N, C-alpha and C. Protein backbone atom coordinates (compact mmCIF):
# COMPACT_ATOMS: atom_id res chain seq x y z
N MET A 1 66.62 2.08 56.97
CA MET A 1 66.86 3.53 56.73
C MET A 1 68.20 3.91 57.48
N VAL A 2 69.11 4.70 57.20
CA VAL A 2 70.41 4.95 57.62
C VAL A 2 70.53 6.56 57.75
N LEU A 3 70.53 7.03 59.09
CA LEU A 3 70.76 8.43 59.39
C LEU A 3 72.14 8.63 59.39
N THR A 4 72.81 9.59 58.64
CA THR A 4 74.32 9.99 58.88
C THR A 4 74.59 11.66 59.16
N ASP A 5 75.58 11.89 59.75
CA ASP A 5 75.82 13.15 60.32
C ASP A 5 76.51 13.89 58.92
N GLY A 6 76.69 15.16 59.18
CA GLY A 6 77.31 15.76 58.09
C GLY A 6 78.40 15.39 57.40
N ASN A 7 79.13 14.25 58.29
CA ASN A 7 80.66 13.93 57.83
C ASN A 7 80.20 12.32 57.24
N LEU A 8 78.96 12.17 57.21
CA LEU A 8 78.64 10.91 56.78
C LEU A 8 79.02 9.70 57.49
N ASN A 9 79.06 10.01 58.73
CA ASN A 9 79.27 8.94 59.62
C ASN A 9 77.76 8.58 60.24
N GLU A 10 77.59 7.19 60.21
CA GLU A 10 76.32 6.75 60.69
C GLU A 10 76.07 7.35 61.89
N VAL A 11 74.80 7.74 61.98
CA VAL A 11 74.42 8.09 63.59
C VAL A 11 73.40 7.18 64.13
N ALA A 12 72.56 6.36 63.10
CA ALA A 12 71.52 5.55 63.61
C ALA A 12 70.98 5.00 62.44
N SER A 13 70.25 3.62 62.69
CA SER A 13 69.89 3.08 61.41
C SER A 13 68.59 2.08 61.78
N VAL A 14 67.81 1.78 61.19
CA VAL A 14 66.62 0.90 61.58
C VAL A 14 66.45 0.01 60.18
N ASP A 15 65.91 -1.12 60.46
CA ASP A 15 65.76 -2.21 59.49
C ASP A 15 64.39 -2.87 59.71
N VAL A 16 63.69 -2.71 58.69
CA VAL A 16 62.08 -3.36 58.87
C VAL A 16 61.81 -4.24 57.63
N VAL A 17 61.53 -5.38 58.22
CA VAL A 17 60.80 -6.25 56.79
C VAL A 17 59.22 -6.52 56.98
N ILE A 18 58.62 -5.84 56.04
CA ILE A 18 57.18 -5.94 55.88
C ILE A 18 56.78 -7.51 55.52
N GLY A 19 55.74 -7.71 56.38
CA GLY A 19 55.33 -9.61 55.80
C GLY A 19 54.35 -9.44 54.65
N TRP A 20 54.27 -10.41 54.15
CA TRP A 20 53.41 -10.64 52.94
C TRP A 20 52.86 -12.10 53.16
N ARG A 21 52.11 -12.50 52.91
CA ARG A 21 51.30 -13.94 53.07
C ARG A 21 52.26 -14.92 52.30
N ASP A 22 52.43 -14.71 51.10
CA ASP A 22 53.28 -15.84 50.56
C ASP A 22 54.34 -14.99 49.45
N PRO A 23 55.39 -14.71 49.80
CA PRO A 23 56.11 -13.92 49.21
C PRO A 23 56.74 -14.72 47.80
N HIS A 24 56.64 -16.00 47.80
CA HIS A 24 57.23 -16.93 46.79
C HIS A 24 56.52 -16.81 45.66
N GLN A 25 55.08 -16.30 45.89
CA GLN A 25 54.02 -16.42 44.88
C GLN A 25 54.12 -14.90 44.30
N MET A 26 54.92 -13.69 44.71
CA MET A 26 54.70 -12.74 44.30
C MET A 26 55.16 -12.38 43.06
N VAL A 27 54.63 -11.43 42.02
CA VAL A 27 55.21 -11.56 40.78
C VAL A 27 56.49 -10.69 40.69
N MET A 28 57.63 -11.40 40.22
CA MET A 28 58.91 -10.71 39.84
C MET A 28 59.52 -11.60 39.11
N CYS A 29 60.60 -11.22 38.34
CA CYS A 29 61.32 -11.97 37.22
C CYS A 29 62.22 -12.70 38.06
N ASN A 30 62.83 -13.56 37.41
CA ASN A 30 63.54 -14.96 37.76
C ASN A 30 64.90 -14.32 38.55
N PHE A 31 65.55 -13.29 37.79
CA PHE A 31 66.82 -12.78 38.53
C PHE A 31 66.49 -12.07 39.88
N VAL A 32 65.32 -11.42 39.84
CA VAL A 32 64.86 -10.78 41.43
C VAL A 32 64.67 -11.81 42.32
N ARG A 33 63.85 -12.83 41.82
CA ARG A 33 63.38 -13.74 42.71
C ARG A 33 64.92 -14.56 43.40
N GLN A 34 65.74 -14.73 42.30
CA GLN A 34 67.02 -15.58 42.85
C GLN A 34 67.92 -14.79 43.89
N MET A 35 67.85 -13.50 43.52
CA MET A 35 68.49 -12.65 44.45
C MET A 35 67.92 -12.63 45.62
N HIS A 36 66.51 -12.11 46.01
CA HIS A 36 65.91 -12.27 47.12
C HIS A 36 65.89 -13.51 47.75
N THR A 37 65.51 -14.52 47.34
CA THR A 37 65.65 -15.49 47.71
C THR A 37 67.26 -16.05 48.55
N ALA A 38 68.16 -15.75 47.57
CA ALA A 38 69.67 -16.16 48.12
C ALA A 38 69.95 -15.11 49.27
N SER A 39 69.45 -13.86 49.23
CA SER A 39 69.59 -13.05 50.58
C SER A 39 68.83 -13.68 51.76
N GLY A 40 67.86 -14.13 51.74
CA GLY A 40 67.09 -14.87 52.45
C GLY A 40 65.63 -13.93 52.89
N LEU A 41 65.75 -12.77 52.21
CA LEU A 41 64.71 -11.61 51.90
C LEU A 41 63.33 -12.31 51.92
N LEU A 42 63.04 -13.39 51.12
CA LEU A 42 61.78 -13.84 50.73
C LEU A 42 61.25 -14.53 52.14
N ASP A 43 62.32 -15.08 52.49
CA ASP A 43 61.92 -16.14 54.14
C ASP A 43 61.75 -15.18 54.96
N GLU A 44 62.39 -14.11 55.18
CA GLU A 44 62.00 -13.20 56.16
C GLU A 44 60.92 -12.38 56.09
N VAL A 45 60.25 -12.28 54.80
CA VAL A 45 59.03 -11.53 54.46
C VAL A 45 57.93 -12.39 54.96
N ALA A 46 58.24 -13.74 54.59
CA ALA A 46 57.01 -14.56 54.85
C ALA A 46 56.80 -14.76 56.40
N ALA A 47 58.15 -14.81 57.14
CA ALA A 47 58.06 -14.90 58.71
C ALA A 47 57.48 -13.51 59.31
N SER A 48 57.80 -12.42 58.65
CA SER A 48 57.44 -11.17 59.11
C SER A 48 55.73 -11.04 59.31
N ARG A 49 55.60 -10.51 60.56
CA ARG A 49 54.04 -10.19 60.87
C ARG A 49 53.91 -8.66 60.70
N MET A 50 54.70 -7.73 60.32
CA MET A 50 54.55 -6.28 60.24
C MET A 50 53.85 -5.86 59.09
N CYS A 51 52.78 -5.12 59.05
CA CYS A 51 52.07 -4.79 58.12
C CYS A 51 52.74 -3.13 57.69
N LEU A 52 52.24 -2.92 56.41
CA LEU A 52 52.58 -1.47 55.95
C LEU A 52 52.42 -0.52 56.94
N GLY A 53 51.10 -0.26 57.65
CA GLY A 53 50.75 0.82 58.38
C GLY A 53 51.69 0.58 59.54
N GLU A 54 51.89 -0.15 60.21
CA GLU A 54 52.75 -0.58 61.20
C GLU A 54 54.22 -0.15 61.13
N ALA A 55 54.64 -0.46 59.82
CA ALA A 55 56.20 -0.31 59.49
C ALA A 55 56.18 1.43 59.26
N GLU A 56 55.19 1.94 58.84
CA GLU A 56 55.18 3.33 58.40
C GLU A 56 55.29 4.16 59.78
N ASP A 57 54.43 3.47 60.84
CA ASP A 57 54.22 4.22 62.08
C ASP A 57 55.60 4.30 62.59
N LEU A 58 56.14 3.11 62.60
CA LEU A 58 57.67 2.66 63.39
C LEU A 58 58.71 3.68 62.69
N LEU A 59 58.68 3.91 61.24
CA LEU A 59 59.51 4.32 61.02
C LEU A 59 59.45 6.27 60.93
N THR A 60 58.10 6.54 60.79
CA THR A 60 58.27 7.78 61.29
C THR A 60 58.35 8.19 62.69
N ALA A 61 58.00 7.20 63.37
CA ALA A 61 58.39 7.84 64.88
C ALA A 61 59.85 7.77 65.01
N TRP A 62 60.50 6.55 64.25
CA TRP A 62 62.14 6.47 64.52
C TRP A 62 62.73 7.80 64.14
N ALA A 63 62.03 8.29 62.78
CA ALA A 63 62.58 9.56 62.04
C ALA A 63 62.38 10.88 63.00
N ARG A 64 61.31 10.85 63.60
CA ARG A 64 60.75 12.00 64.72
C ARG A 64 61.97 11.80 65.95
N HIS A 65 62.16 10.88 66.23
CA HIS A 65 62.77 10.57 67.37
C HIS A 65 64.11 10.94 66.99
N HIS A 66 64.75 10.88 65.91
CA HIS A 66 66.19 11.18 65.61
C HIS A 66 66.12 12.93 65.00
N ASP A 67 64.87 13.29 64.93
CA ASP A 67 65.22 14.86 64.48
C ASP A 67 65.41 14.42 63.04
N ALA A 68 64.73 13.76 62.23
CA ALA A 68 65.32 13.30 61.01
C ALA A 68 64.29 13.87 59.75
N GLY A 69 63.58 14.82 60.03
CA GLY A 69 62.31 15.21 59.21
C GLY A 69 63.32 16.22 57.99
N GLY A 70 62.90 16.36 56.98
CA GLY A 70 63.30 17.40 56.08
C GLY A 70 64.79 17.22 55.46
N LEU A 71 65.37 15.53 55.52
CA LEU A 71 66.53 15.34 55.12
C LEU A 71 66.34 14.90 53.76
N VAL A 72 67.60 15.10 53.08
CA VAL A 72 67.64 14.62 51.55
C VAL A 72 67.65 12.96 51.56
N MET A 73 66.89 12.60 50.72
CA MET A 73 66.88 10.92 50.71
C MET A 73 67.93 10.69 49.64
N ALA A 74 68.89 9.67 49.89
CA ALA A 74 70.00 9.17 49.23
C ALA A 74 70.08 7.94 49.15
N GLY A 75 70.62 7.26 48.01
CA GLY A 75 70.79 5.88 48.02
C GLY A 75 70.73 5.27 46.64
N SER A 76 70.72 4.25 46.25
CA SER A 76 70.73 3.58 44.60
C SER A 76 69.45 3.63 44.09
N GLY A 77 68.88 4.03 43.17
CA GLY A 77 67.61 4.21 42.40
C GLY A 77 66.81 4.82 43.41
N VAL A 78 67.19 6.05 44.26
CA VAL A 78 66.31 6.44 45.04
C VAL A 78 64.96 7.09 44.50
N GLN A 79 64.78 7.50 43.23
CA GLN A 79 63.54 7.84 42.82
C GLN A 79 62.26 6.83 42.75
N PHE A 80 62.87 5.49 42.64
CA PHE A 80 61.99 4.25 42.79
C PHE A 80 61.62 4.42 44.25
N ASP A 81 62.65 4.32 45.20
CA ASP A 81 61.96 4.49 46.48
C ASP A 81 61.25 5.23 47.14
N ARG A 82 61.58 6.81 46.36
CA ARG A 82 60.76 7.91 46.68
C ARG A 82 59.00 7.59 46.38
N ARG A 83 58.95 7.10 44.94
CA ARG A 83 57.52 6.87 44.42
C ARG A 83 56.77 5.65 45.09
N TRP A 84 57.65 4.88 45.67
CA TRP A 84 57.18 3.47 46.26
C TRP A 84 56.71 4.17 47.61
N LEU A 85 57.50 5.00 48.41
CA LEU A 85 57.12 5.44 49.73
C LEU A 85 55.93 6.43 49.54
N ALA A 86 55.89 6.94 48.34
CA ALA A 86 54.53 8.27 48.23
C ALA A 86 53.45 7.32 48.16
N HIS A 87 53.44 6.19 47.62
CA HIS A 87 52.45 5.45 47.16
C HIS A 87 51.85 4.48 48.43
N VAL A 88 52.78 4.05 49.21
CA VAL A 88 52.27 2.99 50.29
C VAL A 88 52.76 3.75 51.63
N MET A 89 53.43 4.80 51.84
CA MET A 89 53.84 5.16 53.10
C MET A 89 53.78 6.80 52.97
N PRO A 90 52.69 7.48 52.68
CA PRO A 90 52.88 8.91 52.34
C PRO A 90 53.31 9.80 53.51
N ALA A 91 53.02 9.16 54.64
CA ALA A 91 53.31 10.14 55.81
C ALA A 91 55.02 10.13 56.02
N LEU A 92 55.56 9.06 55.90
CA LEU A 92 57.13 8.94 55.83
C LEU A 92 57.68 9.72 54.58
N ALA A 93 56.86 9.37 53.24
CA ALA A 93 57.46 10.10 52.31
C ALA A 93 57.51 11.41 52.44
N GLY A 94 56.60 12.23 52.99
CA GLY A 94 56.41 13.57 53.41
C GLY A 94 57.61 14.15 54.33
N MET A 95 58.16 13.18 55.13
CA MET A 95 59.33 13.70 55.84
C MET A 95 60.29 14.24 55.26
N PHE A 96 60.56 13.77 54.11
CA PHE A 96 61.86 13.86 53.53
C PHE A 96 61.77 15.24 52.64
N HIS A 97 62.97 15.79 52.45
CA HIS A 97 63.07 17.10 51.64
C HIS A 97 62.94 16.68 50.03
N ARG A 98 62.38 17.74 49.38
CA ARG A 98 62.00 17.20 48.10
C ARG A 98 63.43 16.66 47.36
N ARG A 99 64.71 17.30 47.72
CA ARG A 99 65.89 16.94 46.89
C ARG A 99 66.21 15.49 47.38
N SER A 100 66.76 14.86 46.36
CA SER A 100 67.57 13.38 46.24
C SER A 100 68.69 13.34 45.97
N PHE A 101 69.43 12.41 46.09
CA PHE A 101 70.91 12.34 45.63
C PHE A 101 71.02 10.62 45.31
N ASP A 102 71.10 10.45 44.22
CA ASP A 102 71.21 9.13 43.79
C ASP A 102 72.56 8.52 43.49
N MET A 103 73.07 7.49 44.02
CA MET A 103 74.37 6.97 44.09
C MET A 103 74.53 6.23 42.69
N THR A 104 73.31 5.94 42.19
CA THR A 104 73.57 5.28 40.79
C THR A 104 74.03 6.07 39.70
N THR A 105 73.55 7.27 39.65
CA THR A 105 74.08 8.24 38.58
C THR A 105 75.56 8.56 38.92
N LEU A 106 76.27 8.83 40.28
CA LEU A 106 77.44 8.64 40.69
C LEU A 106 78.12 7.73 40.07
N ARG A 107 77.83 6.55 40.36
CA ARG A 107 78.32 5.35 40.08
C ARG A 107 78.40 5.28 38.41
N TYR A 108 77.68 5.59 37.76
CA TYR A 108 77.56 5.60 36.23
C TYR A 108 78.78 6.61 35.79
N PHE A 109 78.77 7.57 36.22
CA PHE A 109 79.93 8.48 35.61
C PHE A 109 81.14 8.32 36.06
N HIS A 110 81.48 7.38 36.89
CA HIS A 110 82.71 6.77 37.32
C HIS A 110 83.03 5.45 37.07
N GLY A 111 81.97 4.76 36.18
CA GLY A 111 82.12 3.39 35.68
C GLY A 111 82.26 2.64 36.90
N GLU A 112 81.43 2.48 37.94
CA GLU A 112 81.60 1.54 38.98
C GLU A 112 80.35 0.93 39.05
N ALA A 113 80.41 -0.21 39.40
CA ALA A 113 79.38 -1.22 39.56
C ALA A 113 78.97 -1.25 41.13
N LYS A 114 77.71 -1.70 41.36
CA LYS A 114 77.59 -1.97 42.82
C LYS A 114 77.71 -3.26 43.11
N GLY A 115 78.48 -3.56 44.09
CA GLY A 115 78.61 -4.85 44.39
C GLY A 115 78.39 -5.80 45.52
N THR A 116 77.21 -5.21 46.16
CA THR A 116 76.83 -5.62 47.51
C THR A 116 76.22 -6.88 47.55
N VAL A 117 76.61 -7.70 48.20
CA VAL A 117 76.35 -9.35 48.18
C VAL A 117 76.04 -9.64 49.54
N PRO A 118 74.97 -10.17 50.05
CA PRO A 118 73.69 -10.31 49.31
C PRO A 118 73.13 -8.82 49.49
N HIS A 119 72.28 -8.78 48.32
CA HIS A 119 71.53 -6.98 48.09
C HIS A 119 70.35 -7.47 49.24
N ARG A 120 70.70 -6.43 50.17
CA ARG A 120 70.00 -6.09 51.45
C ARG A 120 69.91 -4.67 51.74
N ALA A 121 69.00 -4.04 51.95
CA ALA A 121 68.87 -2.57 52.24
C ALA A 121 70.05 -1.96 52.97
N LEU A 122 70.32 -2.52 54.33
CA LEU A 122 71.28 -2.08 55.11
C LEU A 122 72.47 -2.24 54.75
N GLY A 123 72.57 -3.22 54.21
CA GLY A 123 74.04 -3.35 53.28
C GLY A 123 74.38 -2.42 52.29
N ASP A 124 73.34 -2.50 51.35
CA ASP A 124 73.42 -1.42 50.28
C ASP A 124 73.55 0.08 50.57
N LEU A 125 72.86 0.38 51.63
CA LEU A 125 72.76 1.76 52.23
C LEU A 125 74.46 2.24 52.67
N ARG A 126 74.92 1.06 53.44
CA ARG A 126 76.05 1.22 53.91
C ARG A 126 77.30 1.46 53.07
N GLN A 127 77.09 0.42 52.11
CA GLN A 127 78.06 0.75 50.76
C GLN A 127 78.22 2.05 50.00
N ASP A 128 76.78 2.55 49.98
CA ASP A 128 76.57 3.83 49.29
C ASP A 128 77.15 4.88 50.03
N ILE A 129 77.17 5.07 51.55
CA ILE A 129 77.70 5.89 52.25
C ILE A 129 79.25 5.75 52.23
N ARG A 130 80.01 4.70 52.13
CA ARG A 130 81.35 4.57 51.77
C ARG A 130 81.67 5.02 50.72
N THR A 131 80.88 4.71 49.54
CA THR A 131 81.22 5.38 48.06
C THR A 131 81.12 6.77 48.39
N LEU A 132 80.01 7.15 48.85
CA LEU A 132 79.88 8.78 48.96
C LEU A 132 81.05 9.57 49.79
N ARG A 133 81.49 8.90 50.77
CA ARG A 133 82.30 9.29 51.74
C ARG A 133 83.95 9.40 51.00
N ARG A 134 84.18 8.34 50.06
CA ARG A 134 85.35 8.36 49.50
C ARG A 134 85.23 9.13 48.39
N TYR A 135 84.12 9.47 47.63
CA TYR A 135 84.01 10.36 46.62
C TYR A 135 84.23 11.79 47.27
N ALA A 136 83.53 12.18 48.22
CA ALA A 136 83.72 13.59 49.02
C ALA A 136 85.19 13.98 49.30
N SER A 137 85.98 12.69 49.73
CA SER A 137 87.30 13.10 50.15
C SER A 137 88.18 13.23 48.99
N CYS A 138 87.63 12.61 48.15
CA CYS A 138 88.64 13.08 46.81
C CYS A 138 88.26 14.38 46.25
N ALA A 139 87.08 14.54 46.35
CA ALA A 139 86.82 15.99 45.62
C ALA A 139 87.48 17.19 46.64
N GLN A 140 87.48 16.98 48.35
CA GLN A 140 87.96 17.85 49.08
C GLN A 140 89.68 17.94 48.64
N GLU A 141 90.24 16.86 48.41
CA GLU A 141 91.77 16.79 48.05
C GLU A 141 91.99 17.62 46.88
N SER A 142 91.19 17.54 45.81
CA SER A 142 91.07 18.24 44.88
C SER A 142 90.95 19.80 44.55
N GLY A 143 90.69 20.07 45.91
CA GLY A 143 90.52 21.47 46.11
C GLY A 143 89.19 21.91 45.83
N LEU A 144 88.10 21.04 45.40
CA LEU A 144 86.86 21.30 45.27
C LEU A 144 85.98 21.55 46.44
N ILE A 145 85.07 22.34 46.55
CA ILE A 145 84.35 22.70 47.98
C ILE A 145 83.14 21.65 48.03
N VAL A 146 83.38 20.85 49.03
CA VAL A 146 82.26 20.15 49.32
C VAL A 146 81.72 20.36 50.79
N VAL A 147 80.74 20.51 51.09
CA VAL A 147 80.06 20.80 51.95
C VAL A 147 78.72 19.70 52.37
N PRO A 148 79.25 18.56 53.00
CA PRO A 148 78.48 17.47 53.16
C PRO A 148 77.13 18.17 54.14
N ALA A 149 75.82 17.79 53.48
CA ALA A 149 74.87 18.11 54.48
C ALA A 149 74.39 16.72 54.78
N SER A 150 73.62 17.03 56.32
CA SER A 150 73.06 15.60 56.97
C SER A 150 72.12 14.98 55.75
N VAL A 151 72.42 13.81 55.47
CA VAL A 151 71.69 12.92 54.80
C VAL A 151 70.95 11.66 55.56
N SER A 152 69.72 11.48 55.06
CA SER A 152 69.07 10.26 55.44
C SER A 152 69.19 9.20 54.25
N VAL A 153 69.74 8.30 54.24
CA VAL A 153 69.96 7.26 53.30
C VAL A 153 68.67 6.21 53.29
N ALA A 154 67.76 6.08 52.46
CA ALA A 154 66.53 5.08 52.45
C ALA A 154 66.55 4.29 51.37
């Protein structure tokens, strides 16, 4: 998770890898397996001893410490993230505002591809923030009124 201020400057971030007994046996298509193997994520998942409950406790405590409750969830494919959180980490999911901002939609309308390599959460989030900052800057220069609100990118 990455917390930004009203100007999309990073205020704080936290990275959590949830363990799984044998992530190499998890059901996923070959493309996803290759992506997560190349990024090292599957090895980190295998080495991690953090369970879902511990991760939720850590993340909700982090959000409370940063007074981050009620913020907009933003990122790429954020509706998937919201549904996943609601299913496995309901306390954390409940801390976010009902509004979401999906960078995938913004990229779609501007013909941009996401290019983070390796595909990892913090790198992807920071790329989304840079992209959103660039679009907000262009909108301001064009005379459009943009009043960025503090967002938590998850």
